[in-house]
Amino acid sequence: MKYLSIAIACLFGTFSCAKNNEAEGILSEDTMVNILVDIHLTEGFVQSLSIPYDSTKVLYPILEKRIFEKHGVPDSVYIKSLEFYLRDAAKMEYLYERTIDSLSVKEKEAQQNQQP
């Protein structure tokens, strides 16, 4: 029984350490939300342009690169972080709820700024 308790403690220790190591190099939730907000705003902007589709395929990667530069994040770190958060559906849903809330606030601010 004593050895079983030690084995279980070792297993929990192993899994908790593995999870912490996995989170290294992952963007914080706040940073992910800020980047996702900018990505969605940029996608909306590009889609609203009256330019051919193949031109938007050239323009969007340029603007996306600027988003990562603005946040000081390499695209590889963003992709790694996105993959990490996508493994936990509840966490990703929470991040998108925050993203949508932030976009709604920005939309309300824009509407208020347009009113005389």
N, C-alpha and C. Protein backbone atom coordinates (compact mmCIF):
# COMPACT_ATOMS: atom_id res chain seq x y z
N MET A 1 0.83 -1.19 0.00
CA MET A 1 0.00 0.00 0.00
C MET A 1 0.87 1.26 0.00
N LYS A 2 1.96 1.20 0.76
CA LYS A 2 2.86 2.34 0.83
C LYS A 2 3.45 2.64 -0.54
N TYR A 3 3.83 1.58 -1.27
CA TYR A 3 4.42 1.76 -2.59
C TYR A 3 3.40 2.26 -3.60
N LEU A 4 2.15 1.86 -3.43
CA LEU A 4 1.09 2.33 -4.31
C LEU A 4 0.90 3.84 -4.14
N SER A 5 0.92 4.31 -2.90
CA SER A 5 0.79 5.75 -2.64
C SER A 5 1.94 6.53 -3.26
N ILE A 6 3.15 5.98 -3.14
CA ILE A 6 4.32 6.64 -3.73
C ILE A 6 4.21 6.67 -5.24
N ALA A 7 3.76 5.56 -5.84
CA ALA A 7 3.61 5.49 -7.29
C ALA A 7 2.58 6.50 -7.79
N ILE A 8 1.47 6.61 -7.08
CA ILE A 8 0.43 7.57 -7.47
C ILE A 8 0.94 9.00 -7.35
N ALA A 9 1.66 9.28 -6.27
CA ALA A 9 2.23 10.62 -6.10
C ALA A 9 3.21 10.95 -7.21
N CYS A 10 4.01 9.97 -7.61
CA CYS A 10 4.96 10.18 -8.72
C CYS A 10 4.23 10.45 -10.03
N LEU A 11 3.15 9.70 -10.26
CA LEU A 11 2.37 9.91 -11.49
C LEU A 11 1.79 11.32 -11.53
N PHE A 12 1.19 11.75 -10.43
CA PHE A 12 0.64 13.11 -10.40
C PHE A 12 1.72 14.15 -10.60
N GLY A 13 2.86 13.93 -9.98
CA GLY A 13 3.99 14.85 -10.15
C GLY A 13 4.46 14.91 -11.59
N THR A 14 4.52 13.75 -12.23
CA THR A 14 4.95 13.69 -13.63
C THR A 14 3.98 14.44 -14.53
N PHE A 15 2.68 14.20 -14.35
CA PHE A 15 1.70 14.86 -15.21
C PHE A 15 1.64 16.35 -14.96
N SER A 16 1.74 16.78 -13.71
CA SER A 16 1.69 18.22 -13.44
C SER A 16 2.92 18.91 -13.99
N CYS A 17 4.08 18.28 -13.91
CA CYS A 17 5.30 18.89 -14.48
C CYS A 17 5.22 18.94 -15.99
N ALA A 18 4.69 17.90 -16.60
CA ALA A 18 4.57 17.88 -18.06
C ALA A 18 3.65 18.99 -18.53
N LYS A 19 2.56 19.20 -17.81
CA LYS A 19 1.63 20.25 -18.21
C LYS A 19 2.26 21.63 -18.07
N ASN A 20 3.02 21.86 -17.00
CA ASN A 20 3.68 23.15 -16.82
C ASN A 20 4.72 23.39 -17.89
N ASN A 21 5.49 22.38 -18.23
CA ASN A 21 6.51 22.53 -19.27
C ASN A 21 5.87 22.81 -20.62
N GLU A 22 4.70 22.18 -20.84
CA GLU A 22 4.02 22.37 -22.11
C GLU A 22 3.57 23.83 -22.26
N ALA A 23 3.26 24.48 -21.14
CA ALA A 23 2.76 25.85 -21.20
C ALA A 23 3.89 26.87 -21.39
N GLU A 24 5.13 26.44 -21.30
CA GLU A 24 6.24 27.36 -21.53
C GLU A 24 6.25 27.78 -22.99
N GLY A 25 6.48 29.04 -23.22
CA GLY A 25 6.49 29.54 -24.59
C GLY A 25 5.11 29.77 -25.16
N ILE A 26 4.09 29.70 -24.30
CA ILE A 26 2.71 29.91 -24.71
C ILE A 26 2.30 31.32 -24.30
N LEU A 27 1.62 32.01 -25.19
CA LEU A 27 1.15 33.37 -24.90
C LEU A 27 0.10 33.35 -23.80
N SER A 28 0.06 34.39 -23.01
CA SER A 28 -0.96 34.50 -21.97
C SER A 28 -2.33 34.66 -22.62
N GLU A 29 -3.36 34.39 -21.83
CA GLU A 29 -4.72 34.53 -22.33
C GLU A 29 -4.98 35.96 -22.78
N ASP A 30 -4.52 36.93 -22.01
CA ASP A 30 -4.74 38.34 -22.36
C ASP A 30 -4.09 38.68 -23.70
N THR A 31 -2.87 38.22 -23.90
CA THR A 31 -2.17 38.49 -25.17
C THR A 31 -2.89 37.81 -26.32
N MET A 32 -3.34 36.57 -26.11
CA MET A 32 -4.07 35.86 -27.17
C MET A 32 -5.34 36.62 -27.54
N VAL A 33 -6.06 37.09 -26.54
CA VAL A 33 -7.30 37.83 -26.81
C VAL A 33 -7.00 39.09 -27.60
N ASN A 34 -5.98 39.83 -27.19
CA ASN A 34 -5.62 41.06 -27.91
C ASN A 34 -5.25 40.77 -29.36
N ILE A 35 -4.50 39.71 -29.59
CA ILE A 35 -4.12 39.36 -30.96
C ILE A 35 -5.34 38.91 -31.75
N LEU A 36 -6.20 38.09 -31.14
CA LEU A 36 -7.40 37.62 -31.83
C LEU A 36 -8.31 38.79 -32.20
N VAL A 37 -8.42 39.77 -31.33
CA VAL A 37 -9.22 40.97 -31.63
C VAL A 37 -8.65 41.66 -32.87
N ASP A 38 -7.35 41.88 -32.87
CA ASP A 38 -6.72 42.55 -34.02
C ASP A 38 -6.85 41.73 -35.30
N ILE A 39 -6.74 40.41 -35.18
CA ILE A 39 -6.89 39.55 -36.37
C ILE A 39 -8.30 39.66 -36.93
N HIS A 40 -9.31 39.62 -36.06
CA HIS A 40 -10.69 39.70 -36.55
C HIS A 40 -10.99 41.08 -37.14
N LEU A 41 -10.47 42.13 -36.53
CA LEU A 41 -10.66 43.47 -37.10
C LEU A 41 -9.99 43.57 -38.47
N THR A 42 -8.82 43.00 -38.59
CA THR A 42 -8.09 43.03 -39.87
C THR A 42 -8.81 42.22 -40.93
N GLU A 43 -9.31 41.04 -40.55
CA GLU A 43 -10.07 40.22 -41.51
C GLU A 43 -11.29 40.98 -42.00
N GLY A 44 -12.00 41.63 -41.07
CA GLY A 44 -13.18 42.40 -41.46
C GLY A 44 -12.82 43.55 -42.38
N PHE A 45 -11.73 44.23 -42.07
CA PHE A 45 -11.27 45.34 -42.91
C PHE A 45 -10.95 44.87 -44.32
N VAL A 46 -10.19 43.79 -44.42
CA VAL A 46 -9.79 43.28 -45.74
C VAL A 46 -11.01 42.83 -46.53
N GLN A 47 -11.96 42.18 -45.86
CA GLN A 47 -13.17 41.73 -46.56
C GLN A 47 -14.03 42.90 -47.03
N SER A 48 -13.93 44.03 -46.35
CA SER A 48 -14.76 45.18 -46.73
C SER A 48 -14.18 45.96 -47.91
N LEU A 49 -12.96 45.68 -48.27
CA LEU A 49 -12.33 46.39 -49.39
C LEU A 49 -12.91 45.95 -50.72
N SER A 50 -13.02 46.87 -51.62
CA SER A 50 -13.52 46.55 -52.96
C SER A 50 -12.35 46.23 -53.87
N ILE A 51 -11.67 45.14 -53.54
CA ILE A 51 -10.54 44.70 -54.36
C ILE A 51 -10.72 43.22 -54.68
N PRO A 52 -10.08 42.76 -55.75
CA PRO A 52 -10.22 41.35 -56.12
C PRO A 52 -9.73 40.42 -55.01
N TYR A 53 -10.31 39.23 -55.00
CA TYR A 53 -9.99 38.24 -53.97
C TYR A 53 -8.51 37.92 -53.92
N ASP A 54 -7.88 37.76 -55.09
CA ASP A 54 -6.46 37.41 -55.07
C ASP A 54 -5.61 38.56 -54.50
N SER A 55 -6.09 39.77 -54.59
CA SER A 55 -5.38 40.90 -53.97
C SER A 55 -5.49 40.84 -52.45
N THR A 56 -6.66 40.41 -51.96
CA THR A 56 -6.82 40.28 -50.51
C THR A 56 -5.92 39.17 -49.97
N LYS A 57 -5.69 38.14 -50.78
CA LYS A 57 -4.80 37.05 -50.35
C LYS A 57 -3.35 37.52 -50.23
N VAL A 58 -3.01 38.58 -50.94
CA VAL A 58 -1.67 39.16 -50.84
C VAL A 58 -1.63 40.16 -49.67
N LEU A 59 -2.69 40.95 -49.53
CA LEU A 59 -2.73 42.00 -48.52
C LEU A 59 -2.81 41.44 -47.10
N TYR A 60 -3.66 40.45 -46.89
CA TYR A 60 -3.89 39.97 -45.52
C TYR A 60 -2.62 39.49 -44.82
N PRO A 61 -1.78 38.67 -45.45
CA PRO A 61 -0.54 38.25 -44.75
C PRO A 61 0.36 39.42 -44.34
N ILE A 62 0.36 40.47 -45.14
CA ILE A 62 1.16 41.65 -44.79
C ILE A 62 0.60 42.30 -43.53
N LEU A 63 -0.72 42.46 -43.48
CA LEU A 63 -1.36 43.06 -42.31
C LEU A 63 -1.25 42.16 -41.08
N GLU A 64 -1.34 40.85 -41.31
CA GLU A 64 -1.20 39.90 -40.20
C GLU A 64 0.20 39.99 -39.59
N LYS A 65 1.20 40.13 -40.44
CA LYS A 65 2.58 40.27 -39.97
C LYS A 65 2.71 41.51 -39.09
N ARG A 66 2.03 42.58 -39.49
CA ARG A 66 2.06 43.82 -38.69
C ARG A 66 1.41 43.63 -37.32
N ILE A 67 0.38 42.79 -37.27
CA ILE A 67 -0.27 42.50 -35.99
C ILE A 67 0.73 41.85 -35.04
N PHE A 68 1.44 40.85 -35.56
CA PHE A 68 2.42 40.15 -34.71
C PHE A 68 3.55 41.09 -34.29
N GLU A 69 3.96 41.97 -35.19
CA GLU A 69 5.00 42.95 -34.84
C GLU A 69 4.49 43.91 -33.77
N LYS A 70 3.24 44.34 -33.91
CA LYS A 70 2.64 45.26 -32.93
C LYS A 70 2.66 44.65 -31.52
N HIS A 71 2.39 43.36 -31.45
CA HIS A 71 2.34 42.68 -30.16
C HIS A 71 3.69 42.09 -29.75
N GLY A 72 4.69 42.22 -30.62
CA GLY A 72 6.02 41.70 -30.31
C GLY A 72 6.05 40.19 -30.20
N VAL A 73 5.27 39.54 -31.06
CA VAL A 73 5.12 38.08 -31.01
C VAL A 73 5.45 37.49 -32.38
N PRO A 74 6.36 36.53 -32.43
CA PRO A 74 6.59 35.84 -33.71
C PRO A 74 5.36 35.00 -34.07
N ASP A 75 5.08 34.87 -35.36
CA ASP A 75 3.91 34.10 -35.78
C ASP A 75 3.99 32.65 -35.31
N SER A 76 5.20 32.11 -35.20
CA SER A 76 5.35 30.72 -34.74
C SER A 76 4.88 30.56 -33.29
N VAL A 77 5.11 31.57 -32.46
CA VAL A 77 4.66 31.52 -31.07
C VAL A 77 3.14 31.63 -31.01
N TYR A 78 2.58 32.47 -31.86
CA TYR A 78 1.12 32.59 -31.92
C TYR A 78 0.50 31.26 -32.34
N ILE A 79 1.04 30.64 -33.37
CA ILE A 79 0.50 29.37 -33.85
C ILE A 79 0.62 28.29 -32.77
N LYS A 80 1.77 28.22 -32.12
CA LYS A 80 1.98 27.25 -31.04
C LYS A 80 0.97 27.50 -29.91
N SER A 81 0.75 28.75 -29.58
CA SER A 81 -0.20 29.10 -28.52
C SER A 81 -1.62 28.76 -28.93
N LEU A 82 -1.98 29.06 -30.17
CA LEU A 82 -3.31 28.74 -30.66
C LEU A 82 -3.55 27.23 -30.60
N GLU A 83 -2.58 26.45 -31.03
CA GLU A 83 -2.70 24.99 -30.97
C GLU A 83 -2.84 24.53 -29.52
N PHE A 84 -2.10 25.14 -28.61
CA PHE A 84 -2.18 24.79 -27.19
C PHE A 84 -3.59 25.05 -26.66
N TYR A 85 -4.12 26.24 -26.91
CA TYR A 85 -5.45 26.59 -26.39
C TYR A 85 -6.56 25.80 -27.08
N LEU A 86 -6.37 25.42 -28.33
CA LEU A 86 -7.39 24.64 -29.03
C LEU A 86 -7.54 23.24 -28.45
N ARG A 87 -6.54 22.75 -27.73
CA ARG A 87 -6.64 21.42 -27.11
C ARG A 87 -7.64 21.41 -25.96
N ASP A 88 -7.98 22.56 -25.44
CA ASP A 88 -8.93 22.68 -24.33
C ASP A 88 -10.11 23.51 -24.83
N ALA A 89 -11.17 22.81 -25.24
CA ALA A 89 -12.32 23.48 -25.86
C ALA A 89 -12.92 24.55 -24.94
N ALA A 90 -13.01 24.25 -23.65
CA ALA A 90 -13.59 25.22 -22.72
C ALA A 90 -12.73 26.48 -22.63
N LYS A 91 -11.43 26.30 -22.60
CA LYS A 91 -10.51 27.45 -22.53
C LYS A 91 -10.62 28.28 -23.81
N MET A 92 -10.67 27.60 -24.96
CA MET A 92 -10.76 28.33 -26.23
C MET A 92 -12.09 29.07 -26.34
N GLU A 93 -13.15 28.43 -25.86
CA GLU A 93 -14.46 29.10 -25.87
C GLU A 93 -14.41 30.35 -25.00
N TYR A 94 -13.76 30.25 -23.86
CA TYR A 94 -13.61 31.40 -22.97
C TYR A 94 -12.81 32.52 -23.64
N LEU A 95 -11.73 32.15 -24.32
CA LEU A 95 -10.92 33.15 -25.03
C LEU A 95 -11.76 33.85 -26.10
N TYR A 96 -12.58 33.08 -26.82
CA TYR A 96 -13.40 33.69 -27.86
C TYR A 96 -14.53 34.52 -27.28
N GLU A 97 -15.05 34.14 -26.13
CA GLU A 97 -16.05 34.99 -25.47
C GLU A 97 -15.43 36.35 -25.13
N ARG A 98 -14.22 36.32 -24.61
CA ARG A 98 -13.52 37.57 -24.29
C ARG A 98 -13.22 38.36 -25.56
N THR A 99 -12.87 37.66 -26.63
CA THR A 99 -12.58 38.33 -27.90
C THR A 99 -13.84 39.02 -28.43
N ILE A 100 -14.95 38.31 -28.39
CA ILE A 100 -16.22 38.88 -28.87
C ILE A 100 -16.63 40.07 -28.00
N ASP A 101 -16.45 39.94 -26.69
CA ASP A 101 -16.76 41.07 -25.80
C ASP A 101 -15.91 42.29 -26.14
N SER A 102 -14.63 42.07 -26.38
CA SER A 102 -13.74 43.18 -26.74
C SER A 102 -14.14 43.81 -28.06
N LEU A 103 -14.52 42.98 -29.02
CA LEU A 103 -14.96 43.50 -30.32
C LEU A 103 -16.25 44.30 -30.17
N SER A 104 -17.15 43.84 -29.31
CA SER A 104 -18.41 44.56 -29.07
C SER A 104 -18.15 45.93 -28.46
N VAL A 105 -17.21 45.99 -27.52
CA VAL A 105 -16.85 47.27 -26.90
C VAL A 105 -16.28 48.22 -27.95
N LYS A 106 -15.40 47.70 -28.80
CA LYS A 106 -14.81 48.54 -29.86
C LYS A 106 -15.89 49.02 -30.83
N GLU A 107 -16.85 48.17 -31.13
CA GLU A 107 -17.93 48.56 -32.04
C GLU A 107 -18.77 49.68 -31.42
N LYS A 108 -19.10 49.55 -30.14
CA LYS A 108 -19.88 50.59 -29.46
C LYS A 108 -19.12 51.91 -29.41
N GLU A 109 -17.82 51.83 -29.15
CA GLU A 109 -16.99 53.05 -29.13
C GLU A 109 -16.97 53.71 -30.51
N ALA A 110 -16.87 52.91 -31.56
CA ALA A 110 -16.86 53.46 -32.92
C ALA A 110 -18.19 54.12 -33.24
N GLN A 111 -19.29 53.50 -32.82
CA GLN A 111 -20.61 54.08 -33.07
C GLN A 111 -20.79 55.39 -32.31
N GLN A 112 -20.29 55.46 -31.09
CA GLN A 112 -20.39 56.69 -30.31
C GLN A 112 -19.55 57.80 -30.91
N ASN A 113 -18.42 57.45 -31.48
CA ASN A 113 -17.55 58.46 -32.10
C ASN A 113 -18.14 59.00 -33.40
N GLN A 114 -19.04 58.24 -34.03
CA GLN A 114 -19.65 58.68 -35.29
C GLN A 114 -20.84 59.59 -35.05
N GLN A 115 -21.43 59.54 -33.87
CA GLN A 115 -22.59 60.37 -33.58
C GLN A 115 -22.14 61.81 -33.34
N PRO A 116 -22.93 62.78 -33.89
CA PRO A 116 -22.57 64.19 -33.72
C PRO A 116 -22.76 64.69 -32.30
